[in-house]
């Protein structure tokens, strides 16, 4: 592989920016509301405002809070405002992180270390729902904390009947989600926290999705279960500012009920030749622009702005639910209570992954879920403008799949259908690792895609390998 070369001489700035614009030609059309995850876009004016705030502090570094006092002031304000939104008490404290995954990792690290110090736990485990975000499984692997799973009920909610029995002397924490990502259901956090508190185990609430929209949905009259610091046994909450807080990317929060808990998150090394070093979170360098953009956006939006966004989002969600219910052969999965949902086929002759393929053929960026098979949508206020078009295309996609059932046997529908039900999950993991790693080979590995579109995608290639393996075994 011949590596890309640094230009011998610097290039024209305008030409570079034009080339950057060109790179985005094949990216999802998020400005048109055609993507249902990853991006939380209001309009270009809002982006320009966040970028302007970011630019003012783009060279500032939150590594040392005593150096850039401006950043520490912003972080203090952000944490304090979030503590109020999440109904924290006077001692609620926390830090700004680079994203939801960092916030989740920190919670596991914190409670593992606290259990080591206060209870001498050497073989830590944590009790988490089967629907917990994958970041929690990453944290389990990174920090050597064994996950003990709570299964789903028949209605796709978290089953806590066996929660008390899952907790033992080595349990460092219990997790609840508000809401969980696959189906949008808020876990029974008050009940979970009561059980955990009786056994002296802390409870973290993953509100990376819901932290900056559920409180405003409640203000608008939504009837939601208690899930935040109002619940006595909840000891920490993670919430992403760059999701429904509409801040620039790179801004999340982890909040603790008090400083004694937060101390277990912090790292201090006193014998380094470079001096005594202390860090509150995983990252050393912490980009100042993310602080500034988050602070500025929260000031710009205010309570009334976030309430309006929550109202528009709820309208889009309810329109989607009604449209899905009115489309024969489809049903919403579980009981979504926040800004996201998934839906499945109720007709064995209607392949939901084939429906997803037909939606993608109409320009929608579609996410798929499994167990049960379905289509996922993380809904924003901007989607209220396109729900009618989406539902019209959904009805046509369903009609096309009904008219041609063979669509289920081709394209990514066949591949996703196979991968969702391959019994040898270890083989799936191994093949995903092999093929995904190719994307990071020197030179970028030729741009492996996740599914169909020109060259065989990741899912298609895994499915092909499985079929070959199965045929060899007879």
Protein backbone atom coordinates (compact mmCIF):
# COMPACT_ATOMS: atom_id res chain seq x y z
CA UNK A 1 0.00 0.00 0.00
CA UNK A 2 1.33 3.42 -0.99
CA UNK A 3 0.52 5.90 1.74
CA UNK A 4 -0.94 9.32 1.05
CA UNK A 5 1.75 11.96 1.02
CA UNK A 6 1.80 15.26 2.80
CA UNK A 7 1.91 17.97 0.10
CA UNK A 8 5.40 19.28 -0.56
CA UNK A 9 4.01 22.79 -0.43
CA UNK A 10 0.95 24.12 1.32
CA UNK A 11 -2.20 24.30 -0.81
CA UNK A 12 -4.66 27.10 -1.45
CA UNK A 13 -7.09 27.46 1.47
CA UNK A 14 -10.20 27.93 -0.69
CA UNK A 15 -9.36 24.85 -2.77
CA UNK A 16 -8.95 22.77 0.39
CA UNK A 17 -12.34 23.86 1.71
CA UNK A 18 -13.96 23.09 -1.63
CA UNK A 19 -12.45 19.61 -1.52
CA UNK A 20 -13.77 19.10 2.00
CA UNK A 21 -17.25 20.01 0.77
CA UNK A 22 -16.88 17.44 -1.98
CA UNK A 23 -16.04 14.68 0.51
CA UNK A 24 -19.59 14.89 1.83
CA UNK A 25 -21.23 14.05 -1.50
CA UNK A 26 -22.11 10.50 -0.41
CA UNK A 27 -22.90 11.28 3.24
CA UNK A 28 -26.50 11.00 4.51
CA UNK A 29 -28.78 13.92 3.60
CA UNK A 30 -29.29 14.93 7.23
CA UNK A 31 -30.24 18.51 6.39
CA UNK A 32 -33.29 17.11 4.61
CA UNK A 33 -34.30 14.92 7.57
CA UNK A 34 -33.56 11.72 5.63
CA UNK A 35 -31.51 10.09 8.41
CA UNK A 36 -32.97 8.66 11.63
CA UNK A 37 -29.85 8.50 13.82
CA UNK A 38 -26.38 9.97 14.38
CA UNK A 39 -27.28 13.60 13.63
CA UNK A 40 -29.38 16.12 15.58
CA UNK A 41 -29.84 18.95 13.12
CA UNK A 42 -32.14 21.92 13.58
CA UNK A 43 -31.10 24.25 10.77
CA UNK A 44 -28.01 25.85 9.32
CA UNK A 45 -28.43 28.99 11.44
CA UNK A 46 -28.25 26.93 14.63
CA UNK A 47 -25.19 25.10 13.32
CA UNK A 48 -23.54 28.43 12.47
CA UNK A 49 -24.18 29.70 16.00
CA UNK A 50 -22.74 26.56 17.64
CA UNK A 51 -19.75 26.65 15.30
CA UNK A 52 -19.11 30.32 16.10
CA UNK A 53 -19.08 29.55 19.81
CA UNK A 54 -16.85 26.52 19.23
CA UNK A 55 -14.41 28.55 17.13
CA UNK A 56 -13.87 31.09 19.92
CA UNK A 57 -12.36 28.38 22.11
CA UNK A 58 -11.16 25.86 19.50
CA UNK A 59 -7.55 26.11 20.72
CA UNK A 60 -8.38 26.10 24.43
CA UNK A 61 -7.71 22.96 26.46
CA UNK A 62 -9.69 21.75 29.46
CA UNK A 63 -6.82 19.51 30.61
CA UNK A 64 -5.91 21.87 33.43
CA UNK A 65 -8.95 23.60 34.95
CA UNK A 66 -6.68 26.03 36.74
CA UNK A 67 -5.20 27.25 33.45
CA UNK A 68 -8.29 27.87 31.30
CA UNK A 69 -10.58 29.21 33.97
CA UNK A 70 -13.05 30.23 31.29
CA UNK A 71 -13.63 26.57 30.44
CA UNK A 72 -14.02 25.57 34.06
CA UNK A 73 -16.58 28.33 34.50
CA UNK A 74 -18.52 27.00 31.49
CA UNK A 75 -18.31 23.42 32.75
CA UNK A 76 -19.53 24.46 36.18
CA UNK A 77 -22.49 26.28 34.63
CA UNK A 78 -23.32 23.36 32.32
CA UNK A 79 -23.21 20.83 35.15
CA UNK A 80 -25.30 23.07 37.39
CA UNK A 81 -27.96 23.70 34.73
CA UNK A 82 -28.12 19.98 33.94
CA UNK A 83 -28.40 19.13 37.64
CA UNK A 84 -31.48 21.34 37.81
CA UNK A 85 -32.99 19.77 34.69
CA UNK A 86 -32.39 16.28 36.10
CA UNK A 87 -33.73 17.26 39.53
CA UNK A 88 -30.47 16.91 41.38
CA UNK A 89 -29.90 18.18 44.89
CA UNK A 90 -27.56 20.87 46.18
CA UNK A 91 -24.60 18.45 46.17
CA UNK A 92 -25.11 17.12 42.63
CA UNK A 93 -21.87 17.47 40.69
CA UNK A 94 -20.17 16.09 37.60
CA UNK A 95 -17.99 16.64 34.58
CA UNK A 96 -18.28 17.31 30.87
CA UNK A 97 -17.17 14.38 28.70
CA UNK A 98 -16.53 13.86 25.01
CA UNK A 99 -19.60 11.69 24.42
CA UNK A 100 -22.03 9.15 25.78
CA UNK A 101 -19.59 6.27 25.54
CA UNK A 102 -17.05 8.09 27.71
CA UNK A 103 -19.79 8.86 30.24
CA UNK A 104 -20.83 5.19 30.35
CA UNK A 105 -17.24 3.98 30.64
CA UNK A 106 -16.64 6.37 33.51
CA UNK A 107 -19.63 5.09 35.47
CA UNK A 108 -18.36 1.51 35.28
CA UNK A 109 -14.82 2.54 36.19
CA UNK A 110 -16.08 4.64 39.09
CA UNK A 111 -18.27 1.97 40.66
CA UNK A 112 -15.69 -0.76 40.11
CA UNK A 113 -13.04 1.31 41.90
CA UNK A 114 -15.42 2.32 44.66
CA UNK A 115 -16.33 -1.31 45.30
CA UNK A 116 -12.65 -2.26 45.37
CA UNK A 117 -11.90 0.40 47.94
CA UNK A 118 -14.95 0.22 50.17
CA UNK A 119 -15.93 -3.46 49.89
CA UNK A 120 -12.73 -5.13 48.62
CA UNK A 121 -14.51 -6.52 45.56
CA UNK A 122 -12.01 -8.32 43.32
CA UNK A 123 -14.35 -10.05 40.83
CA UNK A 124 -16.76 -7.26 39.92
CA UNK A 125 -20.04 -7.65 38.08
CA UNK A 126 -22.82 -5.28 37.12
CA UNK A 127 -26.50 -5.96 36.46
CA UNK A 128 -27.68 -4.39 33.21
CA UNK A 129 -30.71 -4.85 30.95
CA UNK A 130 -30.30 -6.91 27.79
CA UNK A 131 -31.39 -3.74 25.96
CA UNK A 132 -28.57 -1.63 27.46
CA UNK A 133 -26.59 0.37 24.94
CA UNK A 134 -23.56 -1.42 23.52
CA UNK A 135 -21.32 1.11 25.29
CA UNK A 136 -22.02 -0.80 28.51
CA UNK A 137 -20.76 -4.03 26.99
CA UNK A 138 -17.68 -2.16 25.82
CA UNK A 139 -17.17 -0.85 29.35
CA UNK A 140 -17.56 -4.37 30.75
CA UNK A 141 -14.82 -5.60 28.42
CA UNK A 142 -12.50 -2.65 28.99
CA UNK A 143 -12.71 -2.66 32.79
CA UNK A 144 -13.15 -6.35 33.53
CA UNK A 145 -16.65 -6.04 34.99
CA UNK A 146 -18.85 -9.03 34.15
CA UNK A 147 -22.32 -8.07 32.85
CA UNK A 148 -25.29 -9.92 34.31
CA UNK A 149 -28.25 -9.43 32.02
CA UNK A 150 -31.87 -8.74 32.82
CA UNK A 151 -34.02 -10.25 30.05
CA UNK A 152 -36.90 -8.64 28.21
CA UNK A 153 -40.53 -9.34 28.99
CA UNK A 154 -42.91 -10.49 26.28
CA UNK A 155 -43.74 -6.80 25.80
CA UNK A 156 -40.05 -5.94 25.27
CA UNK A 157 -39.63 -4.13 28.58
CA UNK A 158 -36.89 -4.98 31.08
CA UNK A 159 -37.88 -7.86 33.33
CA UNK A 160 -36.76 -7.11 36.88
CA UNK A 161 -38.32 -10.14 38.58
CA UNK A 162 -34.88 -11.67 39.04
CA UNK A 163 -33.00 -8.45 39.75
CA UNK A 164 -32.57 -9.13 43.46
CA UNK A 165 -31.12 -12.57 42.71
CA UNK A 166 -28.73 -11.13 40.11
CA UNK A 167 -27.14 -8.92 42.78
CA UNK A 168 -24.44 -10.44 45.00
CA UNK A 169 -21.52 -9.21 47.08
CA UNK A 170 -19.47 -8.59 43.90
CA UNK A 171 -22.10 -6.42 42.19
CA UNK A 172 -20.69 -2.92 41.78
CA UNK A 173 -23.68 -1.24 40.11
CA UNK A 174 -27.13 -1.65 38.56
CA UNK A 175 -28.06 0.08 35.31
CA UNK A 176 -31.34 1.46 34.04
CA UNK A 177 -31.96 3.28 30.74
CA UNK A 178 -34.10 6.34 30.10
CA UNK A 179 -34.95 5.34 27.47
CA UNK A 180 -33.24 2.22 26.15
CA UNK A 181 -32.05 2.57 22.57
CA UNK A 182 -33.55 -0.43 20.72
CA UNK A 183 -37.23 0.24 21.50
CA UNK A 184 -37.43 3.58 23.33
CA UNK A 185 -38.82 2.21 26.61
CA UNK A 186 -37.91 3.76 29.96
CA UNK A 187 -36.77 1.03 32.33
CA UNK A 188 -38.63 0.67 35.69
CA UNK A 189 -35.93 2.68 37.40
CA UNK A 190 -37.75 3.49 40.64
CA UNK A 191 -38.35 -0.21 41.28
CA UNK A 192 -34.81 -1.12 40.24
CA UNK A 193 -33.32 1.54 42.50
CA UNK A 194 -35.41 0.35 45.46
CA UNK A 195 -34.15 -3.21 45.06
CA UNK A 196 -30.53 -2.11 44.57
CA UNK A 197 -30.58 0.36 47.47
CA UNK A 198 -31.82 -2.37 49.82
CA UNK A 199 -28.66 -4.28 48.95
CA UNK A 200 -26.36 -1.25 49.15
CA UNK A 201 -25.65 -1.12 45.41
CA UNK A 202 -25.53 2.15 43.43
CA UNK A 203 -27.74 2.74 40.39
CA UNK A 204 -26.69 4.58 37.26
CA UNK A 205 -29.25 5.87 34.77
CA UNK A 206 -28.17 5.96 31.15
CA UNK A 207 -30.07 9.00 29.91
CA UNK A 208 -27.63 9.75 27.11
CA UNK A 209 -30.63 9.80 24.78
CA UNK A 210 -33.32 11.10 27.11
CA UNK A 211 -31.52 13.49 29.44
CA UNK A 212 -32.24 16.64 27.44
CA UNK A 213 -35.69 15.80 26.13
CA UNK A 214 -37.61 13.68 28.68
CA UNK A 215 -37.69 16.48 31.30
CA UNK A 216 -39.13 18.88 28.72
CA UNK A 217 -41.64 16.30 27.51
CA UNK A 218 -42.80 16.11 31.13
CA UNK A 219 -43.08 19.89 31.28
CA UNK A 220 -45.31 19.62 28.21
CA UNK A 221 -47.62 17.20 30.02
CA UNK A 222 -46.20 13.78 29.13
CA UNK A 223 -46.92 11.14 31.76
CA UNK A 224 -43.56 9.46 32.31
CA UNK A 225 -42.28 7.29 35.17
CA UNK A 226 -39.78 8.79 37.59
CA UNK A 227 -36.25 8.05 36.41
CA UNK A 228 -33.94 10.90 37.44
CA UNK A 229 -32.48 12.13 40.75
CA UNK A 230 -36.00 12.27 42.19
CA UNK A 231 -35.56 8.52 42.69
CA UNK A 232 -33.64 8.15 45.98
CA UNK A 233 -31.52 5.17 44.90
CA UNK A 234 -30.26 6.80 41.69
CA UNK A 235 -26.65 7.78 42.33
CA UNK A 236 -25.54 8.96 38.87
CA UNK A 237 -26.89 9.89 35.44
CA UNK A 238 -25.28 10.27 32.02
CA UNK A 239 -26.84 12.65 29.48
CA UNK A 240 -25.61 13.74 26.05
CA UNK A 241 -25.65 17.42 25.21
CA UNK A 242 -24.83 16.68 21.57
CA UNK A 243 -28.03 14.66 21.15
CA UNK A 244 -31.25 16.36 22.24
CA UNK A 245 -29.31 19.21 23.83
CA UNK A 246 -28.39 20.14 20.22
CA UNK A 247 -24.83 21.11 21.13
CA UNK A 248 -21.89 20.53 18.80
CA UNK A 249 -20.47 17.02 18.72
CA UNK A 250 -18.19 16.08 21.58
CA UNK A 251 -20.32 17.03 24.60
CA UNK A 252 -21.86 14.71 27.18
CA UNK A 253 -22.22 14.78 30.96
CA UNK A 254 -21.92 12.40 33.85
CA UNK A 255 -23.51 13.65 37.06
CA UNK A 256 -23.23 12.17 40.55
CA UNK A 257 -25.43 12.69 43.56
CA UNK A 258 -22.43 13.95 45.56
CA UNK A 259 -18.69 14.54 45.43
CA UNK A 260 -17.81 11.42 47.42
CA UNK A 261 -19.00 9.35 44.46
CA UNK A 262 -17.30 11.53 41.85
CA UNK A 263 -13.93 11.21 43.59
CA UNK A 264 -13.77 7.54 42.61
CA UNK A 265 -13.88 8.60 38.95
CA UNK A 266 -10.82 10.83 39.18
CA UNK A 267 -7.24 9.87 38.40
CA UNK A 268 -4.24 11.24 40.30
CA UNK A 269 -0.57 10.33 39.81
CA UNK A 270 1.79 11.98 42.25
CA UNK A 271 5.20 10.54 41.24
CA UNK A 272 5.43 11.44 37.56
CA UNK A 273 8.66 13.33 36.67
CA UNK A 274 6.49 15.82 34.82
CA UNK A 275 4.79 16.81 38.05
CA UNK A 276 1.71 15.81 39.97
CA UNK A 277 -1.05 14.96 37.48
CA UNK A 278 -4.79 14.88 38.07
CA UNK A 279 -7.60 14.22 35.59
CA UNK A 280 -11.36 14.13 36.24
CA UNK A 281 -12.35 11.95 33.27
CA UNK A 282 -10.88 9.60 30.63
CA UNK A 283 -9.46 12.21 28.30
CA UNK A 284 -6.44 14.32 29.05
CA UNK A 285 -6.78 17.06 26.46
CA UNK A 286 -10.40 18.17 26.47
CA UNK A 287 -11.39 20.40 23.51
CA UNK A 288 -12.45 23.81 24.72
CA UNK A 289 -14.70 24.37 21.71
CA UNK A 290 -17.06 21.65 22.91
CA UNK A 291 -17.43 23.44 26.27
CA UNK A 292 -18.15 26.76 24.60
CA UNK A 293 -20.64 25.38 22.08
CA UNK A 294 -22.54 23.44 24.76
CA UNK A 295 -22.72 26.42 27.11
CA UNK A 296 -23.77 28.77 24.29
CA UNK A 297 -26.47 26.45 22.92
CA UNK A 298 -27.99 25.92 26.38
CA UNK A 299 -28.12 29.70 26.86
CA UNK A 300 -29.62 30.18 23.39
CA UNK A 301 -32.30 27.51 23.79
CA UNK A 302 -33.46 28.10 27.36
CA UNK A 303 -36.31 26.14 28.89
CA UNK A 304 -38.83 27.48 26.38
CA UNK A 305 -36.67 26.48 23.42
CA UNK A 306 -36.16 22.94 24.67
CA UNK A 307 -39.87 22.62 25.46
CA UNK A 308 -40.70 23.64 21.91
CA UNK A 309 -38.25 21.11 20.48
CA UNK A 310 -39.73 18.41 22.74
CA UNK A 311 -43.24 19.32 21.56
CA UNK A 312 -42.29 19.11 17.90
CA UNK A 313 -40.45 15.85 18.45
CA UNK A 314 -43.42 14.33 20.28
CA UNK A 315 -45.72 15.36 17.44
CA UNK A 316 -43.44 13.60 14.96
CA UNK A 317 -43.27 10.48 17.15
CA UNK A 318 -47.04 10.29 17.52
CA UNK A 319 -47.53 10.80 13.78
CA UNK A 320 -45.12 7.94 13.09
CA UNK A 321 -46.85 5.65 15.59
CA UNK A 322 -50.24 6.38 14.04
CA UNK A 323 -48.95 5.93 10.50
CA UNK A 324 -47.23 2.65 11.32
CA UNK A 325 -50.37 1.34 13.02
CA UNK A 326 -52.43 2.33 9.97
CA UNK A 327 -50.11 0.43 7.63
CA UNK A 328 -51.27 -3.14 7.48
CA UNK A 329 -48.84 -5.75 8.74
CA UNK A 330 -46.72 -3.43 10.90
CA UNK A 331 -46.64 -2.73 14.63
CA UNK A 332 -44.53 -0.62 16.98
CA UNK A 333 -42.30 -2.75 19.21
CA UNK A 334 -42.91 -2.43 22.93
CA UNK A 335 -43.97 0.82 24.56
CA UNK A 336 -41.76 3.69 23.37
CA UNK A 337 -42.03 6.62 25.79
CA UNK A 338 -39.45 9.03 24.46
CA UNK A 339 -38.07 10.27 21.15
CA UNK A 340 -37.28 6.94 19.51
CA UNK A 341 -39.10 3.81 18.42
CA UNK A 342 -38.81 0.63 16.40
CA UNK A 343 -41.42 -1.28 14.45
CA UNK A 344 -41.72 -4.80 13.12
CA UNK A 345 -43.76 -6.90 10.72
CA UNK A 346 -46.75 -8.78 12.13
CA UNK A 347 -47.23 -10.66 8.86
CA UNK A 348 -44.91 -13.65 8.24
CA UNK A 349 -45.17 -12.94 4.51
CA UNK A 350 -43.93 -9.35 4.94
CA UNK A 351 -40.16 -9.22 5.45
CA UNK A 352 -39.29 -6.09 7.45
CA UNK A 353 -35.70 -6.02 6.19
CA UNK A 354 -36.98 -6.00 2.61
CA UNK A 355 -39.17 -3.05 3.58
CA UNK A 356 -36.02 -1.35 4.89
CA UNK A 357 -34.30 -1.95 1.56
CA UNK A 358 -37.18 -0.33 -0.31
CA UNK A 359 -37.08 2.68 1.99
CA UNK A 360 -33.36 3.06 1.33
CA UNK A 361 -34.05 2.89 -2.40
CA UNK A 362 -36.20 6.00 -1.85
CA UNK A 363 -33.35 7.90 -0.22
CA UNK A 364 -33.95 7.22 3.49
CA UNK A 365 -31.09 6.22 5.76
CA UNK A 366 -32.52 3.25 7.68
CA UNK A 367 -31.33 1.51 10.85
CA UNK A 368 -32.27 -2.09 11.54
CA UNK A 369 -32.73 -3.90 14.86
CA UNK A 370 -32.91 -7.58 15.73
CA UNK A 371 -34.57 -9.81 18.34
CA UNK A 372 -37.17 -8.99 17.09
CA UNK A 373 -36.33 -7.90 13.57
CA UNK A 374 -37.38 -4.33 12.93
CA UNK A 375 -36.73 -0.84 11.62
CA UNK A 376 -35.51 1.83 14.05
CA UNK A 377 -36.05 5.59 14.14
CA UNK A 378 -34.52 8.17 16.46
CA UNK A 379 -36.84 11.12 15.96
CA UNK A 380 -35.93 14.80 16.18
CA UNK A 381 -37.93 18.00 15.92
CA UNK A 382 -36.80 18.35 12.31
CA UNK A 383 -38.48 15.06 11.42
CA UNK A 384 -41.90 16.61 11.97
CA UNK A 385 -41.46 18.17 8.53
CA UNK A 386 -40.88 14.81 6.79
CA UNK A 387 -43.07 12.29 8.63
CA UNK A 388 -45.76 12.52 5.96
CA UNK A 389 -43.28 11.78 3.18
CA UNK A 390 -41.70 8.97 5.20
CA UNK A 391 -45.03 7.29 5.92
CA UNK A 392 -46.08 7.58 2.27
CA UNK A 393 -42.84 5.91 1.20
CA UNK A 394 -43.28 3.29 3.93
CA UNK A 395 -46.72 2.38 2.59
CA UNK A 396 -45.29 2.05 -0.92
CA UNK A 397 -42.35 -0.01 0.37
CA UNK A 398 -44.75 -2.41 2.11
CA UNK A 399 -46.85 -2.69 -1.05
CA UNK A 400 -43.77 -3.48 -3.15
CA UNK A 401 -42.60 -6.22 -0.79
CA UNK A 402 -46.09 -7.75 -0.70
CA UNK A 403 -46.21 -7.70 -4.49
CA UNK A 404 -42.77 -9.29 -4.81
CA UNK A 405 -41.93 -11.55 -1.82
CA UNK A 406 -38.68 -12.53 -3.56
CA UNK A 407 -37.28 -9.16 -2.40
CA UNK A 408 -36.75 -10.85 0.97
CA UNK A 409 -34.23 -13.20 -0.64
CA UNK A 410 -31.97 -10.58 -2.17
CA UNK A 411 -29.92 -7.54 -1.23
CA UNK A 412 -29.32 -6.64 2.37
CA UNK A 413 -32.73 -8.06 3.39
CA UNK A 414 -31.42 -11.58 2.92
CA UNK A 415 -28.10 -10.75 4.56
CA UNK A 416 -29.59 -9.01 7.60
CA UNK A 417 -32.22 -11.70 7.96
CA UNK A 418 -29.56 -14.38 7.99
CA UNK A 419 -27.23 -12.54 10.35
CA UNK A 420 -30.00 -11.84 12.85
CA UNK A 421 -30.67 -15.56 13.17
CA UNK A 422 -27.30 -17.25 12.73
CA UNK A 423 -26.99 -19.45 15.84
CA UNK A 424 -23.19 -19.32 16.03
CA UNK A 425 -22.83 -15.84 17.50
CA UNK A 426 -19.12 -16.34 18.21
CA UNK A 427 -18.52 -16.85 14.52
CA UNK A 428 -20.49 -13.71 13.75
CA UNK A 429 -18.32 -11.73 16.19
CA UNK A 430 -15.12 -13.12 14.68
CA UNK A 431 -16.16 -12.33 11.13
CA UNK A 432 -17.37 -8.86 12.00
CA UNK A 433 -14.00 -8.17 13.64
CA UNK A 434 -12.08 -9.42 10.60
CA UNK A 435 -14.06 -7.42 8.08
CA UNK A 436 -14.50 -4.29 10.21
CA UNK A 437 -10.76 -4.20 10.85
CA UNK A 438 -10.21 -4.04 7.09
CA UNK A 439 -11.64 -0.51 7.18
CA UNK A 440 -8.62 0.48 9.25
CA UNK A 441 -5.91 -1.24 7.23
CA UNK A 442 -3.29 1.13 5.85
CA UNK A 443 -5.00 3.18 3.18
CA UNK A 444 -8.50 2.71 4.59
CA UNK A 445 -9.20 -0.80 3.30
CA UNK A 446 -11.13 0.33 0.26
CA UNK A 447 -14.09 1.76 2.15
CA UNK A 448 -16.00 -1.30 3.39
CA UNK A 449 -19.70 -0.47 3.74
CA UNK A 450 -22.03 -2.00 6.30
CA UNK A 451 -24.49 -3.33 3.76
CA UNK A 452 -25.33 -3.47 0.08
CA UNK A 453 -24.49 -0.82 -2.47
CA UNK A 454 -22.01 -1.55 -5.22
CA UNK A 455 -19.31 -3.72 -3.69
CA UNK A 456 -20.46 -6.33 -1.16
CA UNK A 457 -21.00 -4.72 2.24
CA UNK A 458 -19.99 -5.88 5.70
CA UNK A 459 -23.22 -7.71 6.51
CA UNK A 460 -23.38 -9.32 3.06
CA UNK A 461 -19.80 -10.56 3.31
CA UNK A 462 -20.35 -12.06 6.75
CA UNK A 463 -23.47 -13.81 5.52
CA UNK A 464 -21.58 -15.18 2.52
CA UNK A 465 -18.86 -16.57 4.76
CA UNK A 466 -21.49 -18.20 6.97
CA UNK A 467 -23.23 -19.81 4.00
CA UNK A 468 -19.91 -21.21 2.75
CA UNK A 469 -19.06 -22.54 6.20
CA UNK A 470 -22.47 -24.16 6.56
CA UNK A 471 -22.28 -25.77 3.11
CA UNK A 472 -18.87 -27.27 3.89
CA UNK A 473 -20.30 -28.84 7.02
CA UNK A 474 -23.20 -30.29 5.05
